[in-house]
Each structure stands twice: as C-alpha cells, then as structure tokens.
C-alpha cells in the first residue's frame, strides 16, 4: 500500500499546484475545486496509510478528517472546504454560476484551508 499512498499524495500536491495556478489565471472557481480535490486526495492517502486499505469512495472532507483522526484545525478547514466539491461546479445551489460566484478572496480562503489540511497530512505521512 506504500505505493498507493505515494500516488494519492503526489496527486494531492499536483492538485494544490493547480489550485494556485488557477488563481494566477483568475480561474477562481477552478482554484476552489482543485483546493477541495487536493485536500480530499491527501486525506485519502493518509487513510490508506493508517488503515492499509482502499479509501472510501466519498468526497466528504469532514468524514475523511474524522476517519483519519484529524485535529480540530483540520476538521474546521474540512467543514469550510467540503461543500465546494459541488458548489464550485454546478448550477443551482448558489445564486449565480460558479465562475461568477468565486472571486479572488474566496479562492485564496479555500486555498488556505487546503494548505492547512495538507500541512498536517505531510507531517503524518513524512514522504
């Protein structure tokens, strides 16, 4: 399972870079989505390491945080970041289309939440 942990973590780091790149390109809704994806894949990497089995097929960062024994700071970031899995991509839940709803401030905020989550994961994985 060590190889799987590494793959999930590498993709989490790539998604975090994509989130940052999208901010510089002013694609804020895409940045928000990739921030969530980075956190999700990082939490799944840690889950694999801790449980030595495939992660659950869920996108709920709060549940993944609980399954990995995350501290309060990570759980708090997960609560804020988890809803954007849907909100950053689909019409309906928010009052306008996602590309208009997400602006620089929101993108930076969600990126910071992903960074909190990944910083903790890096310490736990040590790879």
N, C-alpha and C. Protein backbone atom coordinates (compact mmCIF):
# COMPACT_ATOMS: atom_id res chain seq x y z
N UNK A 1 0.81 -1.22 0.00
CA UNK A 1 0.00 0.00 0.00
C UNK A 1 0.84 1.27 0.00
N UNK A 2 2.14 1.14 0.28
CA UNK A 2 3.01 2.32 0.29
C UNK A 2 3.03 3.05 -1.04
N UNK A 3 2.99 2.29 -2.12
CA UNK A 3 2.98 2.88 -3.46
C UNK A 3 1.69 3.66 -3.69
N UNK A 4 0.58 3.12 -3.22
CA UNK A 4 -0.71 3.79 -3.36
C UNK A 4 -0.74 5.10 -2.55
N UNK A 5 -0.20 5.08 -1.37
CA UNK A 5 -0.13 6.28 -0.53
C UNK A 5 0.63 7.37 -1.29
N UNK A 6 1.77 6.99 -1.83
CA UNK A 6 2.59 7.95 -2.57
C UNK A 6 1.84 8.53 -3.77
N UNK A 7 1.15 7.68 -4.51
CA UNK A 7 0.40 8.15 -5.69
C UNK A 7 -0.67 9.16 -5.29
N UNK A 8 -1.45 8.83 -4.26
CA UNK A 8 -2.50 9.75 -3.82
C UNK A 8 -1.91 11.07 -3.34
N UNK A 9 -0.79 11.00 -2.60
CA UNK A 9 -0.16 12.23 -2.10
C UNK A 9 0.39 13.06 -3.25
N UNK A 10 1.02 12.41 -4.22
CA UNK A 10 1.55 13.15 -5.37
C UNK A 10 0.43 13.86 -6.13
N UNK A 11 -0.71 13.19 -6.28
CA UNK A 11 -1.82 13.85 -6.98
C UNK A 11 -2.39 14.98 -6.14
N UNK A 12 -2.42 14.81 -4.83
CA UNK A 12 -2.87 15.89 -3.95
C UNK A 12 -1.98 17.12 -4.12
N UNK A 13 -0.68 16.92 -4.17
CA UNK A 13 0.25 18.04 -4.34
C UNK A 13 0.08 18.68 -5.71
N UNK A 14 -0.14 17.86 -6.75
CA UNK A 14 -0.37 18.40 -8.09
C UNK A 14 -1.66 19.22 -8.13
N UNK A 15 -2.70 18.73 -7.46
CA UNK A 15 -3.96 19.47 -7.40
C UNK A 15 -3.80 20.79 -6.66
N UNK A 16 -2.98 20.80 -5.61
CA UNK A 16 -2.73 22.04 -4.88
C UNK A 16 -2.02 23.05 -5.79
N UNK A 17 -1.05 22.58 -6.56
CA UNK A 17 -0.37 23.46 -7.51
C UNK A 17 -1.36 23.99 -8.54
N UNK A 18 -2.25 23.13 -9.02
CA UNK A 18 -3.25 23.56 -9.99
C UNK A 18 -4.17 24.62 -9.38
N UNK A 19 -4.53 24.46 -8.11
CA UNK A 19 -5.35 25.46 -7.43
C UNK A 19 -4.63 26.81 -7.41
N UNK A 20 -3.34 26.79 -7.11
CA UNK A 20 -2.54 28.03 -7.10
C UNK A 20 -2.44 28.63 -8.50
N UNK A 21 -2.16 27.78 -9.48
CA UNK A 21 -2.03 28.25 -10.86
C UNK A 21 -3.33 28.91 -11.34
N UNK A 22 -4.46 28.32 -10.97
CA UNK A 22 -5.74 28.87 -11.40
C UNK A 22 -6.03 30.23 -10.78
N UNK A 23 -5.52 30.49 -9.59
CA UNK A 23 -5.68 31.83 -9.00
C UNK A 23 -4.93 32.83 -9.86
N UNK A 24 -3.71 32.50 -10.25
CA UNK A 24 -2.94 33.45 -11.05
C UNK A 24 -3.57 33.67 -12.43
N UNK A 25 -4.34 32.68 -12.92
CA UNK A 25 -5.02 32.83 -14.21
C UNK A 25 -6.44 33.40 -14.05
N UNK A 26 -6.80 33.73 -12.81
CA UNK A 26 -8.12 34.28 -12.48
C UNK A 26 -9.26 33.31 -12.75
N UNK A 27 -8.96 32.03 -12.71
CA UNK A 27 -9.98 30.97 -12.80
C UNK A 27 -10.32 30.55 -11.37
N UNK A 28 -11.02 31.40 -10.66
CA UNK A 28 -11.21 31.22 -9.23
C UNK A 28 -12.07 30.00 -8.89
N UNK A 29 -13.11 29.76 -9.65
CA UNK A 29 -13.96 28.60 -9.37
C UNK A 29 -13.16 27.30 -9.53
N UNK A 30 -12.27 27.26 -10.52
CA UNK A 30 -11.43 26.08 -10.74
C UNK A 30 -10.42 25.93 -9.60
N UNK A 31 -9.89 27.04 -9.13
CA UNK A 31 -8.97 27.00 -8.00
C UNK A 31 -9.64 26.41 -6.77
N UNK A 32 -10.87 26.84 -6.53
CA UNK A 32 -11.63 26.34 -5.38
C UNK A 32 -11.84 24.83 -5.50
N UNK A 33 -12.24 24.37 -6.67
CA UNK A 33 -12.45 22.94 -6.86
C UNK A 33 -11.15 22.16 -6.63
N UNK A 34 -10.04 22.62 -7.19
CA UNK A 34 -8.79 21.90 -7.01
C UNK A 34 -8.26 21.98 -5.59
N UNK A 35 -8.61 23.02 -4.86
CA UNK A 35 -8.26 23.07 -3.43
C UNK A 35 -8.96 21.93 -2.69
N UNK A 36 -10.25 21.75 -2.99
CA UNK A 36 -11.00 20.67 -2.37
C UNK A 36 -10.41 19.31 -2.77
N UNK A 37 -10.08 19.17 -4.04
CA UNK A 37 -9.53 17.91 -4.52
C UNK A 37 -8.19 17.58 -3.87
N UNK A 38 -7.36 18.60 -3.70
CA UNK A 38 -6.06 18.39 -3.04
C UNK A 38 -6.26 17.86 -1.63
N UNK A 39 -7.17 18.48 -0.90
CA UNK A 39 -7.45 18.04 0.47
C UNK A 39 -8.01 16.62 0.48
N UNK A 40 -8.95 16.35 -0.41
CA UNK A 40 -9.56 15.01 -0.46
C UNK A 40 -8.53 13.93 -0.75
N UNK A 41 -7.70 14.15 -1.74
CA UNK A 41 -6.71 13.14 -2.12
C UNK A 41 -5.64 12.98 -1.04
N UNK A 42 -5.28 14.08 -0.40
CA UNK A 42 -4.33 13.98 0.71
C UNK A 42 -4.90 13.18 1.87
N UNK A 43 -6.15 13.44 2.22
CA UNK A 43 -6.80 12.68 3.30
C UNK A 43 -6.94 11.21 2.93
N UNK A 44 -7.20 10.93 1.67
CA UNK A 44 -7.29 9.53 1.25
C UNK A 44 -5.92 8.85 1.30
N UNK A 45 -4.86 9.57 0.98
CA UNK A 45 -3.51 9.00 1.11
C UNK A 45 -3.24 8.62 2.56
N UNK A 46 -3.58 9.51 3.47
CA UNK A 46 -3.37 9.23 4.89
C UNK A 46 -4.25 8.07 5.36
N UNK A 47 -5.47 8.03 4.90
CA UNK A 47 -6.37 6.93 5.25
C UNK A 47 -5.75 5.59 4.84
N UNK A 48 -5.22 5.53 3.63
CA UNK A 48 -4.61 4.29 3.15
C UNK A 48 -3.45 3.89 4.05
N UNK A 49 -2.65 4.86 4.43
CA UNK A 49 -1.51 4.55 5.31
C UNK A 49 -1.98 4.04 6.66
N UNK A 50 -2.98 4.69 7.22
CA UNK A 50 -3.46 4.32 8.56
C UNK A 50 -4.22 3.00 8.58
N UNK A 51 -5.03 2.76 7.57
CA UNK A 51 -5.94 1.60 7.57
C UNK A 51 -5.45 0.44 6.71
N UNK A 52 -4.45 0.71 5.87
CA UNK A 52 -3.91 -0.30 4.96
C UNK A 52 -4.99 -0.92 4.07
N UNK A 53 -5.88 -0.05 3.59
CA UNK A 53 -6.92 -0.49 2.65
C UNK A 53 -7.36 0.70 1.82
N UNK A 54 -8.09 0.41 0.76
CA UNK A 54 -8.58 1.47 -0.12
C UNK A 54 -9.45 2.45 0.65
N UNK A 55 -9.37 3.73 0.28
CA UNK A 55 -10.20 4.71 0.97
C UNK A 55 -11.67 4.60 0.54
N UNK A 56 -12.57 5.11 1.36
CA UNK A 56 -13.97 5.09 0.94
C UNK A 56 -14.18 5.98 -0.27
N UNK A 57 -15.14 5.64 -1.09
CA UNK A 57 -15.45 6.41 -2.30
C UNK A 57 -16.41 7.53 -1.93
N UNK A 58 -15.87 8.52 -1.22
CA UNK A 58 -16.66 9.67 -0.78
C UNK A 58 -15.86 10.94 -1.08
N UNK A 59 -16.56 12.07 -1.04
CA UNK A 59 -15.91 13.36 -1.25
C UNK A 59 -16.04 14.25 -0.01
N UNK A 60 -16.60 13.71 1.04
CA UNK A 60 -16.87 14.44 2.28
C UNK A 60 -15.59 14.60 3.10
N UNK A 61 -15.02 15.79 3.06
CA UNK A 61 -13.77 16.03 3.78
C UNK A 61 -13.94 15.91 5.29
N UNK A 62 -15.11 16.24 5.78
CA UNK A 62 -15.35 16.15 7.23
C UNK A 62 -15.28 14.68 7.66
N UNK A 63 -15.95 13.83 6.92
CA UNK A 63 -15.92 12.40 7.24
C UNK A 63 -14.50 11.84 7.11
N UNK A 64 -13.79 12.23 6.05
CA UNK A 64 -12.41 11.77 5.87
C UNK A 64 -11.52 12.27 7.01
N UNK A 65 -11.76 13.49 7.46
CA UNK A 65 -10.99 14.03 8.59
C UNK A 65 -11.23 13.21 9.85
N UNK A 66 -12.47 12.85 10.08
CA UNK A 66 -12.80 12.03 11.25
C UNK A 66 -12.16 10.65 11.15
N UNK A 67 -12.20 10.07 9.96
CA UNK A 67 -11.63 8.73 9.76
C UNK A 67 -10.11 8.70 9.94
N UNK A 68 -9.46 9.85 9.76
CA UNK A 68 -8.00 9.90 9.88
C UNK A 68 -7.54 10.49 11.21
N UNK A 69 -8.48 10.80 12.11
CA UNK A 69 -8.11 11.32 13.41
C UNK A 69 -7.54 12.73 13.38
N UNK A 70 -8.07 13.53 12.50
CA UNK A 70 -7.55 14.89 12.30
C UNK A 70 -7.78 15.78 13.53
N UNK A 71 -6.87 16.72 13.75
CA UNK A 71 -7.06 17.69 14.82
C UNK A 71 -8.15 18.71 14.46
N UNK A 72 -8.55 19.51 15.42
CA UNK A 72 -9.63 20.48 15.20
C UNK A 72 -9.36 21.43 14.05
N UNK A 73 -8.12 21.88 13.90
CA UNK A 73 -7.82 22.83 12.83
C UNK A 73 -8.10 22.22 11.45
N UNK A 74 -7.81 20.94 11.30
CA UNK A 74 -8.06 20.25 10.04
C UNK A 74 -9.56 20.00 9.86
N UNK A 75 -10.22 19.63 10.93
CA UNK A 75 -11.68 19.44 10.86
C UNK A 75 -12.37 20.74 10.49
N UNK A 76 -11.94 21.84 11.09
CA UNK A 76 -12.54 23.15 10.78
C UNK A 76 -12.33 23.51 9.31
N UNK A 77 -11.12 23.32 8.81
CA UNK A 77 -10.84 23.59 7.40
C UNK A 77 -11.67 22.68 6.50
N UNK A 78 -11.86 21.44 6.92
CA UNK A 78 -12.66 20.49 6.14
C UNK A 78 -14.13 20.90 6.07
N UNK A 79 -14.66 21.42 7.16
CA UNK A 79 -16.04 21.89 7.19
C UNK A 79 -16.24 23.01 6.17
N UNK A 80 -15.27 23.91 6.07
CA UNK A 80 -15.38 25.04 5.16
C UNK A 80 -15.14 24.65 3.70
N UNK A 81 -14.26 23.68 3.49
CA UNK A 81 -13.86 23.32 2.13
C UNK A 81 -14.73 22.25 1.49
N UNK A 82 -15.30 21.38 2.27
CA UNK A 82 -16.05 20.25 1.73
C UNK A 82 -17.19 20.64 0.79
N UNK A 83 -18.00 21.65 1.10
CA UNK A 83 -19.15 21.96 0.22
C UNK A 83 -18.77 22.40 -1.19
N UNK A 84 -17.57 22.89 -1.39
CA UNK A 84 -17.21 23.41 -2.71
C UNK A 84 -17.04 22.31 -3.75
N UNK A 85 -17.01 21.06 -3.32
CA UNK A 85 -16.96 19.96 -4.28
C UNK A 85 -18.13 20.08 -5.25
N UNK A 86 -19.29 20.43 -4.74
CA UNK A 86 -20.49 20.62 -5.57
C UNK A 86 -20.63 22.08 -6.00
N UNK A 87 -20.50 22.99 -5.05
CA UNK A 87 -20.80 24.40 -5.31
C UNK A 87 -19.92 25.04 -6.37
N UNK A 88 -18.69 24.57 -6.52
CA UNK A 88 -17.78 25.18 -7.49
C UNK A 88 -18.03 24.71 -8.92
N UNK A 89 -18.91 23.72 -9.08
CA UNK A 89 -19.08 23.13 -10.41
C UNK A 89 -20.50 23.14 -10.96
N UNK A 90 -21.48 23.18 -10.09
CA UNK A 90 -22.85 23.01 -10.56
C UNK A 90 -23.73 24.23 -10.36
N UNK A 91 -24.68 24.39 -11.24
CA UNK A 91 -25.66 25.45 -11.12
C UNK A 91 -26.73 25.02 -10.12
N UNK A 92 -27.31 25.99 -9.45
CA UNK A 92 -28.43 25.67 -8.58
C UNK A 92 -28.20 26.00 -7.12
N UNK A 93 -27.21 25.37 -6.48
CA UNK A 93 -27.06 25.61 -5.04
C UNK A 93 -26.72 27.07 -4.68
N UNK A 94 -26.03 27.76 -5.56
CA UNK A 94 -25.70 29.17 -5.30
C UNK A 94 -26.52 30.05 -6.23
N UNK A 95 -26.57 31.33 -5.96
CA UNK A 95 -27.47 32.24 -6.68
C UNK A 95 -27.00 32.62 -8.08
N UNK A 96 -25.79 32.30 -8.42
CA UNK A 96 -25.26 32.62 -9.74
C UNK A 96 -24.40 31.46 -10.21
N UNK A 97 -23.84 31.56 -11.39
CA UNK A 97 -22.97 30.49 -11.89
C UNK A 97 -21.65 30.51 -11.12
N UNK A 98 -21.06 29.34 -10.92
CA UNK A 98 -19.85 29.27 -10.09
C UNK A 98 -18.71 30.19 -10.55
N UNK A 99 -18.50 30.33 -11.84
CA UNK A 99 -17.36 31.16 -12.27
C UNK A 99 -17.55 32.62 -11.89
N UNK A 100 -18.79 33.05 -11.66
CA UNK A 100 -19.02 34.42 -11.20
C UNK A 100 -19.04 34.52 -9.68
N UNK A 101 -19.46 33.46 -9.02
CA UNK A 101 -19.58 33.46 -7.56
C UNK A 101 -18.22 33.48 -6.87
N UNK A 102 -17.31 32.66 -7.36
CA UNK A 102 -15.99 32.55 -6.72
C UNK A 102 -15.07 33.63 -7.27
N UNK A 103 -14.60 34.46 -6.36
CA UNK A 103 -13.67 35.54 -6.70
C UNK A 103 -12.37 35.30 -5.95
N UNK A 104 -11.45 36.22 -6.08
CA UNK A 104 -10.10 36.07 -5.51
C UNK A 104 -10.13 35.78 -4.01
N UNK A 105 -10.90 36.54 -3.26
CA UNK A 105 -10.93 36.36 -1.80
C UNK A 105 -11.36 34.94 -1.41
N UNK A 106 -12.42 34.46 -2.03
CA UNK A 106 -12.90 33.11 -1.73
C UNK A 106 -11.87 32.06 -2.18
N UNK A 107 -11.29 32.24 -3.34
CA UNK A 107 -10.30 31.28 -3.83
C UNK A 107 -9.09 31.21 -2.89
N UNK A 108 -8.63 32.36 -2.44
CA UNK A 108 -7.49 32.37 -1.51
C UNK A 108 -7.86 31.73 -0.18
N UNK A 109 -9.07 31.98 0.27
CA UNK A 109 -9.53 31.39 1.53
C UNK A 109 -9.58 29.87 1.44
N UNK A 110 -10.14 29.37 0.36
CA UNK A 110 -10.22 27.91 0.19
C UNK A 110 -8.85 27.29 -0.04
N UNK A 111 -7.98 27.98 -0.72
CA UNK A 111 -6.61 27.50 -0.88
C UNK A 111 -5.92 27.40 0.48
N UNK A 112 -6.12 28.39 1.33
CA UNK A 112 -5.53 28.37 2.67
C UNK A 112 -6.06 27.18 3.48
N UNK A 113 -7.34 26.86 3.33
CA UNK A 113 -7.91 25.70 4.03
C UNK A 113 -7.26 24.40 3.54
N UNK A 114 -7.09 24.29 2.24
CA UNK A 114 -6.42 23.10 1.69
C UNK A 114 -4.99 23.01 2.21
N UNK A 115 -4.33 24.13 2.31
CA UNK A 115 -2.94 24.12 2.79
C UNK A 115 -2.86 23.70 4.25
N UNK A 116 -3.82 24.09 5.07
CA UNK A 116 -3.86 23.64 6.47
C UNK A 116 -3.98 22.12 6.52
N UNK A 117 -4.88 21.59 5.72
CA UNK A 117 -5.11 20.15 5.69
C UNK A 117 -3.88 19.41 5.19
N UNK A 118 -3.29 19.89 4.10
CA UNK A 118 -2.12 19.20 3.54
C UNK A 118 -0.88 19.33 4.41
N UNK A 119 -0.74 20.44 5.12
CA UNK A 119 0.41 20.58 6.01
C UNK A 119 0.37 19.49 7.10
N UNK A 120 -0.81 19.26 7.64
CA UNK A 120 -0.96 18.21 8.66
C UNK A 120 -0.69 16.83 8.05
N UNK A 121 -1.21 16.60 6.85
CA UNK A 121 -1.02 15.31 6.19
C UNK A 121 0.46 15.05 5.92
N UNK A 122 1.18 16.08 5.46
CA UNK A 122 2.62 15.92 5.19
C UNK A 122 3.36 15.48 6.45
N UNK A 123 3.02 16.06 7.58
CA UNK A 123 3.67 15.69 8.85
C UNK A 123 3.37 14.24 9.20
N UNK A 124 2.13 13.83 8.96
CA UNK A 124 1.73 12.46 9.30
C UNK A 124 2.34 11.43 8.34
N UNK A 125 2.45 11.77 7.08
CA UNK A 125 2.96 10.82 6.09
C UNK A 125 4.48 10.76 6.06
N UNK A 126 5.11 11.91 6.23
CA UNK A 126 6.58 12.01 6.18
C UNK A 126 7.16 11.43 4.89
N UNK A 127 6.48 11.72 3.77
CA UNK A 127 7.04 11.30 2.46
C UNK A 127 7.03 12.50 1.53
